[in-house]
Amino acid sequence: MQFETARLIIRPLQYDDLNDVYESRKNPETSKYIGPPASRKEAEKRIEEALLPWRETDHHRLMLAIICKTTRQFIGELVFKYVHKNCNIGEIGYRLSSQHIGKGYAFEATHEFIRCLFDRFSLNKINAICATDNQASWQLMEKLGMKKEGLLRENMYLHGQYQDSFIYSILKREMQ
């Protein structure tokens, strides 16, 4: 999958993205609501997984890079997986490099990503999950038109303890 927005190019992760992925994923600030900062080996493993053909099966991830059109700089990542393909339900995730947070890139990339997923696949519903303390993430989900479905108690294990998370979703008929 590849698409563009006014300021961004969204394309499959490539081996050349390794240093950028590592720099983004090793940052404790951008990792604090996702898991421990990544090692270089973990970043390499992510790239290797991204280079495999996407199988379009439950829980197999489609991993994309967010690139700035004008500078060709790596901005972050998008991910999609089916959580229940037979029921046409998928899940998205996103991560921006720290220097690109607060510039509207997450909304721009994710909004178009959701639209493309609904257009290209037989999806009825797209979910997203975030730690309850991750205010920036759940505010983005709300800005995208996603609805909070509920609280998942002790659903994430972060920093040596279980954390609650919110689950949001958007239905195809709700996409504008």
Protein backbone atom coordinates (compact mmCIF):
# COMPACT_ATOMS: atom_id res chain seq x y z
CA MET A 1 0.00 0.00 0.00
CA GLN A 2 1.23 3.47 -0.88
CA PHE A 3 -0.56 6.83 -0.91
CA GLU A 4 0.05 10.55 -0.51
CA THR A 5 -1.45 13.47 1.37
CA ALA A 6 -0.81 17.17 0.90
CA ARG A 7 2.48 16.99 2.82
CA LEU A 8 3.26 13.30 3.15
CA ILE A 9 4.17 10.14 1.28
CA ILE A 10 3.06 6.92 2.94
CA ARG A 11 4.88 3.87 1.65
CA PRO A 12 6.03 0.43 2.81
CA LEU A 13 8.93 0.42 5.24
CA GLN A 14 12.23 -0.23 3.46
CA TYR A 15 15.63 -1.42 4.57
CA ASP A 16 16.93 2.14 4.08
CA ASP A 17 14.57 3.23 6.90
CA LEU A 18 16.48 1.18 9.49
CA ASN A 19 18.45 4.06 11.07
CA ASP A 20 15.37 6.28 11.24
CA VAL A 21 13.21 3.51 12.69
CA TYR A 22 15.87 2.78 15.29
CA GLU A 23 16.28 6.46 16.23
CA SER A 24 12.52 6.84 16.63
CA ARG A 25 11.96 3.58 18.51
CA LYS A 26 14.90 3.94 20.92
CA ASN A 27 13.52 7.25 22.22
CA PRO A 28 12.05 6.73 25.71
CA GLU A 29 9.59 9.60 25.22
CA THR A 30 7.97 8.17 22.08
CA SER A 31 8.05 4.65 23.52
CA LYS A 32 6.65 5.29 26.98
CA TYR A 33 3.07 4.32 26.07
CA ILE A 34 4.04 1.49 23.72
CA GLY A 35 6.80 -0.48 25.45
CA PRO A 36 10.46 -0.27 26.31
CA PRO A 37 12.74 1.62 23.91
CA ALA A 38 13.88 -0.64 21.08
CA SER A 39 17.35 -1.96 20.54
CA ARG A 40 18.99 -1.79 17.12
CA LYS A 41 18.39 -5.55 16.78
CA GLU A 42 14.66 -5.04 17.45
CA ALA A 43 14.55 -2.27 14.82
CA GLU A 44 16.25 -4.60 12.34
CA LYS A 45 13.71 -7.31 13.12
CA ARG A 46 10.87 -4.84 12.48
CA ILE A 47 12.32 -3.92 9.08
CA GLU A 48 12.81 -7.59 8.20
CA GLU A 49 9.17 -8.30 9.09
CA ALA A 50 8.01 -5.28 7.06
CA LEU A 51 9.89 -6.54 4.00
CA LEU A 52 7.96 -9.82 3.97
CA PRO A 53 4.84 -9.93 1.79
CA TRP A 54 1.77 -8.91 3.76
CA ARG A 55 -0.47 -11.94 4.13
CA GLU A 56 -3.79 -10.17 4.86
CA THR A 57 -4.48 -12.60 7.70
CA ASP A 58 -5.44 -11.95 11.31
CA HIS A 59 -2.65 -10.25 13.29
CA HIS A 60 -0.14 -10.06 10.41
CA ARG A 61 1.05 -6.45 10.30
CA LEU A 62 1.23 -4.14 7.30
CA MET A 63 3.94 -1.61 8.24
CA LEU A 64 4.32 1.72 6.49
CA ALA A 65 6.67 4.68 6.70
CA ILE A 66 5.51 8.30 6.85
CA ILE A 67 7.80 10.51 4.75
CA CYS A 68 7.78 14.30 4.34
CA LYS A 69 7.25 15.21 0.67
CA THR A 70 9.47 18.28 0.69
CA THR A 71 12.44 17.02 2.73
CA ARG A 72 12.07 13.26 2.11
CA GLN A 73 12.65 12.91 5.86
CA PHE A 74 11.26 9.94 7.81
CA ILE A 75 8.51 11.19 10.13
CA GLY A 76 7.09 8.00 11.61
CA GLU A 77 5.22 4.76 11.09
CA LEU A 78 1.71 3.46 10.50
CA VAL A 79 0.59 -0.11 11.05
CA PHE A 80 -2.53 -2.07 10.19
CA LYS A 81 -3.60 -5.60 11.02
CA TYR A 82 -6.81 -7.53 10.85
CA VAL A 83 -8.02 -8.43 14.33
CA HIS A 84 -10.94 -10.43 12.93
CA LYS A 85 -10.85 -10.64 9.15
CA ASN A 86 -14.00 -12.77 8.92
CA CYS A 87 -15.90 -9.96 10.67
CA ASN A 88 -14.13 -7.23 8.63
CA ILE A 89 -12.48 -5.64 11.69
CA GLY A 90 -8.99 -4.18 11.63
CA GLU A 91 -6.74 -2.20 13.94
CA ILE A 92 -4.38 0.67 13.29
CA GLY A 93 -1.41 2.07 15.14
CA TYR A 94 0.87 5.04 14.65
CA ARG A 95 4.13 6.44 15.96
CA LEU A 96 5.88 9.70 15.14
CA SER A 97 9.52 10.58 15.66
CA SER A 98 9.80 13.06 18.53
CA GLN A 99 10.85 16.05 16.39
CA HIS A 100 7.70 15.72 14.27
CA ILE A 101 5.09 15.63 17.04
CA GLY A 102 2.65 18.53 17.22
CA LYS A 103 2.76 19.51 13.53
CA GLY A 104 -0.45 17.80 12.39
CA TYR A 105 1.35 14.94 10.64
CA ALA A 106 -0.28 12.21 12.74
CA PHE A 107 -3.79 13.42 11.90
CA GLU A 108 -2.97 13.94 8.21
CA ALA A 109 -1.37 10.50 7.79
CA THR A 110 -3.85 8.55 9.92
CA HIS A 111 -6.97 10.16 8.46
CA GLU A 112 -5.92 9.25 4.93
CA PHE A 113 -4.75 5.81 6.10
CA ILE A 114 -8.20 5.03 7.51
CA ARG A 115 -9.86 6.27 4.31
CA CYS A 116 -7.55 4.12 2.15
CA LEU A 117 -8.11 1.04 4.33
CA PHE A 118 -11.90 1.37 4.02
CA ASP A 119 -11.60 1.96 0.26
CA ARG A 120 -9.20 -0.92 -0.47
CA PHE A 121 -10.33 -3.65 1.91
CA SER A 122 -13.64 -5.12 2.97
CA LEU A 123 -13.55 -3.46 6.35
CA ASN A 124 -16.55 -2.44 8.37
CA LYS A 125 -14.69 -1.29 11.48
CA ILE A 126 -11.23 -0.03 12.43
CA ASN A 127 -10.06 -0.05 16.05
CA ALA A 128 -7.21 1.71 17.82
CA ILE A 129 -5.98 1.13 21.37
CA CYS A 130 -3.90 3.38 23.61
CA ALA A 131 -2.86 3.66 27.23
CA THR A 132 -5.32 5.80 29.20
CA ASP A 133 -2.47 8.16 30.15
CA ASN A 134 -1.64 8.75 26.47
CA GLN A 135 -3.80 11.83 26.10
CA ALA A 136 -2.28 12.87 22.76
CA SER A 137 -3.20 9.52 21.24
CA TRP A 138 -6.80 9.35 22.43
CA GLN A 139 -7.33 13.00 21.49
CA LEU A 140 -6.09 12.16 17.98
CA MET A 141 -8.53 9.25 17.81
CA GLU A 142 -11.38 11.56 18.76
CA LYS A 143 -10.27 14.16 16.19
CA LEU A 144 -10.31 11.37 13.58
CA GLY A 145 -13.97 10.76 14.40
CA MET A 146 -13.33 7.55 16.31
CA LYS A 147 -15.66 6.74 19.19
CA LYS A 148 -14.51 5.47 22.57
CA GLU A 149 -15.91 1.98 23.02
CA GLY A 150 -14.57 1.37 26.45
CA LEU A 151 -11.87 0.84 29.01
CA LEU A 152 -9.75 -2.29 28.82
CA ARG A 153 -8.58 -2.94 32.37
CA GLU A 154 -4.90 -3.80 32.82
CA ASN A 155 -4.64 -4.45 29.09
CA MET A 156 -1.04 -3.26 28.63
CA TYR A 157 2.15 -4.08 30.49
CA LEU A 158 4.31 -0.94 30.61
CA HIS A 159 7.19 -0.04 32.87
CA GLY A 160 6.82 -3.11 35.04
CA GLN A 161 3.12 -2.76 35.72
CA TYR A 162 -0.23 -3.35 34.12
CA GLN A 163 -1.91 -0.30 32.63
CA ASP A 164 -5.47 0.35 31.55
CA SER A 165 -6.14 1.28 27.94
CA PHE A 166 -8.93 2.81 25.90
CA ILE A 167 -10.32 1.23 22.77
CA TYR A 168 -11.69 3.49 20.04
CA SER A 169 -13.23 2.62 16.71
CA ILE A 170 -14.69 4.06 13.55
CA LEU A 171 -17.18 2.36 11.23
CA LYS A 172 -17.00 2.62 7.47
CA ARG A 173 -20.37 4.41 7.38
CA GLU A 174 -19.02 7.04 9.81
CA MET A 175 -15.96 7.93 7.71
CA GLN A 176 -16.17 11.40 6.22
